[in-house]
Amino acid sequence: MRKKNCWEVNLCGRQPGGHNEKEFGVCSVAIETKFNKINGGVNGGRYCWEVTDSFCEFDKSGAFAKDPNTCNNCSFRKLVAQEEGSGFIE
């Protein structure tokens, strides 16, 4: 089974071609290639907590996740950690 990226789980629509791309722009997570394939994701899709200027699951309209605790407590990050088990890359 293919692993889902953050935009597929959170349904933010901020990926290229997503339903919120025109209104809010593309999230840096979806286009950050240096993290491609980490935790089995596309670009930063399963490593979003390490992407500069990533958007938070709690505010899909564009608030940056500036507080590290926001990402540490994120349900998507917890899901990735559970799915990856001992292979999880923090």
PDB file of N, CA and C in Angstrom:
ATOM      1  N   MET A   1       0.834  -1.190   0.000  1.00  0.00           N
ATOM      2  CA  MET A   1       0.000   0.000   0.000  1.00  0.00           C
ATOM      3  C   MET A   1       0.881   1.258   0.000  1.00  0.00           C
ATOM      4  N   ARG A   2       0.543   2.206  -0.856  1.00  0.00           N
ATOM      5  CA  ARG A   2       1.302   3.442  -0.961  1.00  0.00           C
ATOM      6  C   ARG A   2       1.056   4.316   0.263  1.00  0.00           C
ATOM      7  N   LYS A   3       2.122   4.917   0.760  1.00  0.00           N
ATOM      8  CA  LYS A   3       2.020   5.790   1.926  1.00  0.00           C
ATOM      9  C   LYS A   3       1.532   7.166   1.494  1.00  0.00           C
ATOM     10  N   LYS A   4       0.651   7.750   2.276  1.00  0.00           N
ATOM     11  CA  LYS A   4       0.084   9.045   1.937  1.00  0.00           C
ATOM     12  C   LYS A   4       0.959  10.186   2.450  1.00  0.00           C
ATOM     13  N   ASN A   5       0.995  11.252   1.657  1.00  0.00           N
ATOM     14  CA  ASN A   5       1.694  12.475   2.020  1.00  0.00           C
ATOM     15  C   ASN A   5       0.768  13.363   2.840  1.00  0.00           C
ATOM     16  N   CYS A   6       1.334  14.372   3.493  1.00  0.00           N
ATOM     17  CA  CYS A   6       0.545  15.217   4.392  1.00  0.00           C
ATOM     18  C   CYS A   6      -0.644  15.863   3.693  1.00  0.00           C
ATOM     19  N   TRP A   7      -0.473  16.339   2.459  1.00  0.00           N
ATOM     20  CA  TRP A   7      -1.580  16.994   1.759  1.00  0.00           C
ATOM     21  C   TRP A   7      -2.702  16.025   1.407  1.00  0.00           C
ATOM     22  N   GLU A   8      -2.379  14.742   1.329  1.00  0.00           N
ATOM     23  CA  GLU A   8      -3.397  13.726   1.049  1.00  0.00           C
ATOM     24  C   GLU A   8      -4.178  13.364   2.310  1.00  0.00           C
ATOM     25  N   VAL A   9      -3.530  13.445   3.440  1.00  0.00           N
ATOM     26  CA  VAL A   9      -4.181  13.125   4.711  1.00  0.00           C
ATOM     27  C   VAL A   9      -4.949  14.340   5.231  1.00  0.00           C
ATOM     28  N   ASN A  10      -4.318  15.503   5.206  1.00  0.00           N
ATOM     29  CA  ASN A  10      -4.936  16.713   5.758  1.00  0.00           C
ATOM     30  C   ASN A  10      -5.883  17.407   4.782  1.00  0.00           C
ATOM     31  N   LEU A  11      -5.831  17.006   3.516  1.00  0.00           N
ATOM     32  CA  LEU A  11      -6.721  17.545   2.478  1.00  0.00           C
ATOM     33  C   LEU A  11      -6.668  19.071   2.396  1.00  0.00           C
ATOM     34  N   CYS A  12      -5.470  19.623   2.504  1.00  0.00           N
ATOM     35  CA  CYS A  12      -5.310  21.080   2.489  1.00  0.00           C
ATOM     36  C   CYS A  12      -5.458  21.676   1.089  1.00  0.00           C
ATOM     37  N   GLY A  13      -5.180  20.883   0.057  1.00  0.00           N
ATOM     38  CA  GLY A  13      -5.284  21.383  -1.309  1.00  0.00           C
ATOM     39  C   GLY A  13      -4.190  22.342  -1.695  1.00  0.00           C
ATOM     40  N   ARG A  14      -3.069  22.321  -0.981  1.00  0.00           N
ATOM     41  CA  ARG A  14      -1.969  23.247  -1.224  1.00  0.00           C
ATOM     42  C   ARG A  14      -0.859  22.657  -2.097  1.00  0.00           C
ATOM     43  N   GLN A  15      -1.031  21.444  -2.602  1.00  0.00           N
ATOM     44  CA  GLN A  15      -0.066  20.830  -3.512  1.00  0.00           C
ATOM     45  C   GLN A  15      -0.291  21.385  -4.918  1.00  0.00           C
ATOM     46  N   PRO A  16       0.703  21.259  -5.827  1.00  0.00           N
ATOM     47  CA  PRO A  16       0.488  21.724  -7.200  1.00  0.00           C
ATOM     48  C   PRO A  16      -0.763  21.087  -7.799  1.00  0.00           C
ATOM     49  N   GLY A  17      -1.650  21.922  -8.311  1.00  0.00           N
ATOM     50  CA  GLY A  17      -2.906  21.447  -8.875  1.00  0.00           C
ATOM     51  C   GLY A  17      -4.006  21.242  -7.854  1.00  0.00           C
ATOM     52  N   GLY A  18      -3.711  21.479  -6.578  1.00  0.00           N
ATOM     53  CA  GLY A  18      -4.704  21.293  -5.524  1.00  0.00           C
ATOM     54  C   GLY A  18      -5.781  22.363  -5.540  1.00  0.00           C
ATOM     55  N   HIS A  19      -6.886  22.090  -4.873  1.00  0.00           N
ATOM     56  CA  HIS A  19      -8.034  22.994  -4.901  1.00  0.00           C
ATOM     57  C   HIS A  19      -7.795  24.337  -4.211  1.00  0.00           C
ATOM     58  N   ASN A  20      -6.765  24.466  -3.376  1.00  0.00           N
ATOM     59  CA  ASN A  20      -6.448  25.745  -2.734  1.00  0.00           C
ATOM     60  C   ASN A  20      -5.192  26.406  -3.296  1.00  0.00           C
ATOM     61  N   GLU A  21      -4.618  25.835  -4.345  1.00  0.00           N
ATOM     62  CA  GLU A  21      -3.380  26.380  -4.900  1.00  0.00           C
ATOM     63  C   GLU A  21      -3.550  27.827  -5.369  1.00  0.00           C
ATOM     64  N   LYS A  22      -4.595  28.113  -6.107  1.00  0.00           N
ATOM     65  CA  LYS A  22      -4.785  29.468  -6.642  1.00  0.00           C
ATOM     66  C   LYS A  22      -5.037  30.494  -5.550  1.00  0.00           C
ATOM     67  N   GLU A  23      -5.809  30.119  -4.559  1.00  0.00           N
ATOM     68  CA  GLU A  23      -6.157  31.065  -3.501  1.00  0.00           C
ATOM     69  C   GLU A  23      -5.018  31.287  -2.509  1.00  0.00           C
ATOM     70  N   PHE A  24      -4.330  30.211  -2.101  1.00  0.00           N
ATOM     71  CA  PHE A  24      -3.327  30.310  -1.051  1.00  0.00           C
ATOM     72  C   PHE A  24      -1.898  30.010  -1.492  1.00  0.00           C
ATOM     73  N   GLY A  25      -1.717  29.504  -2.695  1.00  0.00           N
ATOM     74  CA  GLY A  25      -0.383  29.150  -3.170  1.00  0.00           C
ATOM     75  C   GLY A  25      -0.017  27.723  -2.813  1.00  0.00           C
ATOM     76  N   VAL A  26       1.128  27.296  -3.331  1.00  0.00           N
ATOM     77  CA  VAL A  26       1.609  25.941  -3.088  1.00  0.00           C
ATOM     78  C   VAL A  26       2.419  25.914  -1.799  1.00  0.00           C
ATOM     79  N   CYS A  27       2.161  24.936  -0.972  1.00  0.00           N
ATOM     80  CA  CYS A  27       2.923  24.739   0.268  1.00  0.00           C
ATOM     81  C   CYS A  27       4.320  24.252  -0.092  1.00  0.00           C
ATOM     82  N   SER A  28       5.309  24.761   0.614  1.00  0.00           N
ATOM     83  CA  SER A  28       6.699  24.383   0.352  1.00  0.00           C
ATOM     84  C   SER A  28       6.955  22.891   0.539  1.00  0.00           C
ATOM     85  N   VAL A  29       6.159  22.230   1.355  1.00  0.00           N
ATOM     86  CA  VAL A  29       6.319  20.789   1.588  1.00  0.00           C
ATOM     87  C   VAL A  29       6.157  20.003   0.286  1.00  0.00           C
ATOM     88  N   ALA A  30       5.189  20.399  -0.511  1.00  0.00           N
ATOM     89  CA  ALA A  30       4.867  19.662  -1.733  1.00  0.00           C
ATOM     90  C   ALA A  30       5.928  19.804  -2.816  1.00  0.00           C
ATOM     91  N   ILE A  31       6.792  20.802  -2.707  1.00  0.00           N
ATOM     92  CA  ILE A  31       7.792  21.033  -3.758  1.00  0.00           C
ATOM     93  C   ILE A  31       9.241  20.943  -3.268  1.00  0.00           C
ATOM     94  N   GLU A  32       9.438  20.647  -1.988  1.00  0.00           N
ATOM     95  CA  GLU A  32      10.788  20.557  -1.415  1.00  0.00           C
ATOM     96  C   GLU A  32      11.420  19.210  -1.760  1.00  0.00           C
ATOM     97  N   THR A  33      12.235  19.195  -2.800  1.00  0.00           N
ATOM     98  CA  THR A  33      12.775  17.938  -3.330  1.00  0.00           C
ATOM     99  C   THR A  33      13.895  17.323  -2.494  1.00  0.00           C
ATOM    100  N   LYS A  34      14.564  18.092  -1.653  1.00  0.00           N
ATOM    101  CA  LYS A  34      15.690  17.513  -0.899  1.00  0.00           C
ATOM    102  C   LYS A  34      15.237  16.472   0.124  1.00  0.00           C
ATOM    103  N   PHE A  35      13.947  16.427   0.425  1.00  0.00           N
ATOM    104  CA  PHE A  35      13.431  15.433   1.366  1.00  0.00           C
ATOM    105  C   PHE A  35      12.651  14.323   0.662  1.00  0.00           C
ATOM    106  N   ASN A  36      12.764  14.259  -0.651  1.00  0.00           N
ATOM    107  CA  ASN A  36      12.041  13.253  -1.423  1.00  0.00           C
ATOM    108  C   ASN A  36      12.382  11.848  -0.937  1.00  0.00           C
ATOM    109  N   LYS A  37      11.391  11.057  -0.733  1.00  0.00           N
ATOM    110  CA  LYS A  37      11.454   9.648  -0.325  1.00  0.00           C
ATOM    111  C   LYS A  37      11.753   9.430   1.158  1.00  0.00           C
ATOM    112  N   ILE A  38      12.006  10.486   1.928  1.00  0.00           N
ATOM    113  CA  ILE A  38      12.192  10.299   3.366  1.00  0.00           C
ATOM    114  C   ILE A  38      10.868   9.832   3.955  1.00  0.00           C
ATOM    115  N   ASN A  39      10.920   8.801   4.752  1.00  0.00           N
ATOM    116  CA  ASN A  39       9.742   8.157   5.330  1.00  0.00           C
ATOM    117  C   ASN A  39       8.755   7.714   4.251  1.00  0.00           C
ATOM    118  N   GLY A  40       9.255   7.498   3.033  1.00  0.00           N
ATOM    119  CA  GLY A  40       8.435   6.992   1.945  1.00  0.00           C
ATOM    120  C   GLY A  40       7.556   8.027   1.267  1.00  0.00           C
ATOM    121  N   GLY A  41       7.861   9.318   1.462  1.00  0.00           N
ATOM    122  CA  GLY A  41       7.019  10.364   0.906  1.00  0.00           C
ATOM    123  C   GLY A  41       7.532  10.961  -0.390  1.00  0.00           C
ATOM    124  N   VAL A  42       6.668  11.767  -0.999  1.00  0.00           N
ATOM    125  CA  VAL A  42       7.018  12.530  -2.192  1.00  0.00           C
ATOM    126  C   VAL A  42       7.451  13.911  -1.731  1.00  0.00           C
ATOM    127  N   ASN A  43       8.639  14.326  -2.162  1.00  0.00           N
ATOM    128  CA  ASN A  43       9.221  15.601  -1.725  1.00  0.00           C
ATOM    129  C   ASN A  43       9.195  15.653  -0.198  1.00  0.00           C
ATOM    130  N   GLY A  44       8.620  16.671   0.416  1.00  0.00           N
ATOM    131  CA  GLY A  44       8.575  16.738   1.883  1.00  0.00           C
ATOM    132  C   GLY A  44       7.297  16.179   2.472  1.00  0.00           C
ATOM    133  N   GLY A  45       6.551  15.417   1.695  1.00  0.00           N
ATOM    134  CA  GLY A  45       5.217  14.970   2.078  1.00  0.00           C
ATOM    135  C   GLY A  45       5.105  14.104   3.311  1.00  0.00           C
ATOM    136  N   ARG A  46       6.202  13.455   3.713  1.00  0.00           N
ATOM    137  CA  ARG A  46       6.174  12.659   4.940  1.00  0.00           C
ATOM    138  C   ARG A  46       7.331  13.065   5.856  1.00  0.00           C
ATOM    139  N   TYR A  47       7.735  14.335   5.686  1.00  0.00           N
ATOM    140  CA  TYR A  47       8.806  14.912   6.497  1.00  0.00           C
ATOM    141  C   TYR A  47       8.553  16.417   6.649  1.00  0.00           C
ATOM    142  N   CYS A  48       7.283  16.781   6.630  1.00  0.00           N
ATOM    143  CA  CYS A  48       6.862  18.182   6.591  1.00  0.00           C
ATOM    144  C   CYS A  48       7.357  19.000   7.780  1.00  0.00           C
ATOM    145  N   TRP A  49       7.548  18.374   8.924  1.00  0.00           N
ATOM    146  CA  TRP A  49       7.980  19.081  10.124  1.00  0.00           C
ATOM    147  C   TRP A  49       9.399  19.634   9.997  1.00  0.00           C
ATOM    148  N   GLU A  50      10.135  19.215   8.990  1.00  0.00           N
ATOM    149  CA  GLU A  50      11.488  19.717   8.767  1.00  0.00           C
ATOM    150  C   GLU A  50      11.580  20.687   7.581  1.00  0.00           C
ATOM    151  N   VAL A  51      10.473  20.963   6.939  1.00  0.00           N
ATOM    152  CA  VAL A  51      10.474  21.837   5.769  1.00  0.00           C
ATOM    153  C   VAL A  51      10.252  23.284   6.204  1.00  0.00           C
ATOM    154  N   THR A  52      11.161  24.161   5.795  1.00  0.00           N
ATOM    155  CA  THR A  52      11.031  25.580   6.093  1.00  0.00           C
ATOM    156  C   THR A  52       9.758  26.123   5.473  1.00  0.00           C
ATOM    157  N   ASP A  53       9.059  26.943   6.214  1.00  0.00           N
ATOM    158  CA  ASP A  53       7.821  27.584   5.768  1.00  0.00           C
ATOM    159  C   ASP A  53       6.715  26.589   5.436  1.00  0.00           C
ATOM    160  N   SER A  54       6.706  25.467   6.136  1.00  0.00           N
ATOM    161  CA  SER A  54       5.604  24.521   5.922  1.00  0.00           C
ATOM    162  C   SER A  54       4.354  25.062   6.590  1.00  0.00           C
ATOM    163  N   PHE A  55       3.218  24.563   6.165  1.00  0.00           N
ATOM    164  CA  PHE A  55       1.956  25.004   6.724  1.00  0.00           C
ATOM    165  C   PHE A  55       1.447  23.978   7.709  1.00  0.00           C
ATOM    166  N   CYS A  56       0.712  24.462   8.663  1.00  0.00           N
ATOM    167  CA  CYS A  56       0.266  23.646   9.771  1.00  0.00           C
ATOM    168  C   CYS A  56      -1.102  23.033   9.497  1.00  0.00           C
ATOM    169  N   GLU A  57      -1.301  21.812   9.964  1.00  0.00           N
ATOM    170  CA  GLU A  57      -2.591  21.149   9.794  1.00  0.00           C
ATOM    171  C   GLU A  57      -3.729  21.914  10.465  1.00  0.00           C
ATOM    172  N   PHE A  58      -3.396  22.771  11.419  1.00  0.00           N
ATOM    173  CA  PHE A  58      -4.428  23.488  12.160  1.00  0.00           C
ATOM    174  C   PHE A  58      -4.890  24.761  11.457  1.00  0.00           C
ATOM    175  N   ASP A  59      -4.138  25.213  10.440  1.00  0.00           N
ATOM    176  CA  ASP A  59      -4.521  26.420   9.708  1.00  0.00           C
ATOM    177  C   ASP A  59      -4.115  26.269   8.253  1.00  0.00           C
ATOM    178  N   LYS A  60      -4.994  25.697   7.468  1.00  0.00           N
ATOM    179  CA  LYS A  60      -4.705  25.418   6.066  1.00  0.00           C
ATOM    180  C   LYS A  60      -4.671  26.679   5.211  1.00  0.00           C
ATOM    181  N   SER A  61      -5.069  27.813   5.774  1.00  0.00           N
ATOM    182  CA  SER A  61      -5.103  29.046   4.998  1.00  0.00           C
ATOM    183  C   SER A  61      -3.734  29.694   4.862  1.00  0.00           C
ATOM    184  N   GLY A  62      -2.742  29.260   5.611  1.00  0.00           N
ATOM    185  CA  GLY A  62      -1.412  29.773   5.390  1.00  0.00           C
ATOM    186  C   GLY A  62      -0.602  30.154   6.599  1.00  0.00           C
ATOM    187  N   ALA A  63      -1.043  29.878   7.795  1.00  0.00           N
ATOM    188  CA  ALA A  63      -0.231  30.182   8.970  1.00  0.00           C
ATOM    189  C   ALA A  63       0.937  29.206   9.046  1.00  0.00           C
ATOM    190  N   PHE A  64       2.119  29.729   9.260  1.00  0.00           N
ATOM    191  CA  PHE A  64       3.299  28.873   9.363  1.00  0.00           C
ATOM    192  C   PHE A  64       3.333  28.199  10.725  1.00  0.00           C
ATOM    193  N   ALA A  65       3.827  27.003  10.745  1.00  0.00           N
ATOM    194  CA  ALA A  65       3.984  26.264  11.999  1.00  0.00           C
ATOM    195  C   ALA A  65       5.317  26.695  12.620  1.00  0.00           C
ATOM    196  N   LYS A  66       5.292  27.774  13.377  1.00  0.00           N
ATOM    197  CA  LYS A  66       6.527  28.348  13.931  1.00  0.00           C
ATOM    198  C   LYS A  66       6.943  27.697  15.241  1.00  0.00           C
ATOM    199  N   ASP A  67       6.007  27.203  16.001  1.00  0.00           N
ATOM    200  CA  ASP A  67       6.293  26.592  17.286  1.00  0.00           C
ATOM    201  C   ASP A  67       6.594  25.111  17.082  1.00  0.00           C
ATOM    202  N   PRO A  68       7.794  24.662  17.472  1.00  0.00           N
ATOM    203  CA  PRO A  68       8.144  23.240  17.287  1.00  0.00           C
ATOM    204  C   PRO A  68       7.148  22.283  17.938  1.00  0.00           C
ATOM    205  N   ASN A  69       6.503  22.699  18.997  1.00  0.00           N
ATOM    206  CA  ASN A  69       5.526  21.832  19.658  1.00  0.00           C
ATOM    207  C   ASN A  69       4.321  21.568  18.776  1.00  0.00           C
ATOM    208  N   THR A  70       4.019  22.500  17.876  1.00  0.00           N
ATOM    209  CA  THR A  70       2.921  22.292  16.941  1.00  0.00           C
ATOM    210  C   THR A  70       3.197  21.049  16.113  1.00  0.00           C
ATOM    211  N   CYS A  71       4.396  20.943  15.569  1.00  0.00           N
ATOM    212  CA  CYS A  71       4.750  19.783  14.750  1.00  0.00           C
ATOM    213  C   CYS A  71       4.916  18.524  15.598  1.00  0.00           C
ATOM    214  N   ASN A  72       5.482  18.656  16.769  1.00  0.00           N
ATOM    215  CA  ASN A  72       5.663  17.489  17.632  1.00  0.00           C
ATOM    216  C   ASN A  72       4.338  16.871  18.040  1.00  0.00           C
ATOM    217  N   ASN A  73       3.304  17.672  18.133  1.00  0.00           N
ATOM    218  CA  ASN A  73       1.987  17.195  18.544  1.00  0.00           C
ATOM    219  C   ASN A  73       1.056  16.939  17.364  1.00  0.00           C
ATOM    220  N   CYS A  74       1.562  17.080  16.166  1.00  0.00           N
ATOM    221  CA  CYS A  74       0.757  16.939  14.958  1.00  0.00           C
ATOM    222  C   CYS A  74       0.311  15.482  14.753  1.00  0.00           C
ATOM    223  N   SER A  75      -0.973  15.300  14.442  1.00  0.00           N
ATOM    224  CA  SER A  75      -1.487  13.950  14.250  1.00  0.00           C
ATOM    225  C   SER A  75      -0.874  13.275  13.030  1.00  0.00           C
ATOM    226  N   PHE A  76      -0.518  14.042  11.995  1.00  0.00           N
ATOM    227  CA  PHE A  76       0.105  13.446  10.822  1.00  0.00           C
ATOM    228  C   PHE A  76       1.510  12.938  11.146  1.00  0.00           C
ATOM    229  N   ARG A  77       2.287  13.721  11.879  1.00  0.00           N
ATOM    230  CA  ARG A  77       3.635  13.290  12.273  1.00  0.00           C
ATOM    231  C   ARG A  77       3.554  12.006  13.102  1.00  0.00           C
ATOM    232  N   LYS A  78       2.590  11.947  13.994  1.00  0.00           N
ATOM    233  CA  LYS A  78       2.401  10.741  14.812  1.00  0.00           C
ATOM    234  C   LYS A  78       2.020   9.546  13.939  1.00  0.00           C
ATOM    235  N   LEU A  79       1.203   9.774  12.925  1.00  0.00           N
ATOM    236  CA  LEU A  79       0.816   8.716  11.993  1.00  0.00           C
ATOM    237  C   LEU A  79       2.036   8.189  11.240  1.00  0.00           C
ATOM    238  N   VAL A  80       2.876   9.101  10.740  1.00  0.00           N
ATOM    239  CA  VAL A  80       4.079   8.694  10.012  1.00  0.00           C
ATOM    240  C   VAL A  80       4.996   7.895  10.933  1.00  0.00           C
ATOM    241  N   ALA A  81       5.179   8.351  12.154  1.00  0.00           N
ATOM    242  CA  ALA A  81       6.027   7.637  13.114  1.00  0.00           C
ATOM    243  C   ALA A  81       5.500   6.225  13.360  1.00  0.00           C
ATOM    244  N   GLN A  82       4.200   6.099  13.492  1.00  0.00           N
ATOM    245  CA  GLN A  82       3.589   4.785  13.716  1.00  0.00           C
ATOM    246  C   GLN A  82       3.781   3.895  12.491  1.00  0.00           C
ATOM    247  N   GLU A  83       3.525   4.432  11.303  1.00  0.00           N
ATOM    248  CA  GLU A  83       3.654   3.644  10.076  1.00  0.00           C
ATOM    249  C   GLU A  83       5.089   3.220   9.799  1.00  0.00           C
ATOM    250  N   GLU A  84       6.046   4.096  10.118  1.00  0.00           N
ATOM    251  CA  GLU A  84       7.450   3.795   9.829  1.00  0.00           C
ATOM    252  C   GLU A  84       8.105   2.938  10.907  1.00  0.00           C
ATOM    253  N   GLY A  85       7.581   2.959  12.102  1.00  0.00           N
ATOM    254  CA  GLY A  85       8.150   2.172  13.191  1.00  0.00           C
ATOM    255  C   GLY A  85       9.611   2.531  13.445  1.00  0.00           C
ATOM    256  N   SER A  86      10.466   1.539  13.541  1.00  0.00           N
ATOM    257  CA  SER A  86      11.884   1.787  13.853  1.00  0.00           C
ATOM    258  C   SER A  86      12.624   2.489  12.721  1.00  0.00           C
ATOM    259  N   GLY A  87      12.038   2.525  11.533  1.00  0.00           N
ATOM    260  CA  GLY A  87      12.663   3.211  10.399  1.00  0.00           C
ATOM    261  C   GLY A  87      12.288   4.686  10.294  1.00  0.00           C
ATOM    262  N   PHE A  88      11.516   5.191  11.260  1.00  0.00           N
ATOM    263  CA  PHE A  88      11.060   6.583  11.250  1.00  0.00           C
ATOM    264  C   PHE A  88      12.243   7.543  11.308  1.00  0.00           C
ATOM    265  N   ILE A  89      12.264   8.498  10.398  1.00  0.00           N
ATOM    266  CA  ILE A  89      13.297   9.526  10.373  1.00  0.00           C
ATOM    267  C   ILE A  89      12.706  10.806  10.940  1.00  0.00           C
ATOM    268  N   GLU A  90      13.278  11.217  12.080  1.00  0.00           N
ATOM    269  CA  GLU A  90      12.787  12.424  12.726  1.00  0.00           C
ATOM    270  C   GLU A  90      13.453  13.609  12.110  1.00  0.00           C
TER     271      GLU A  90
END
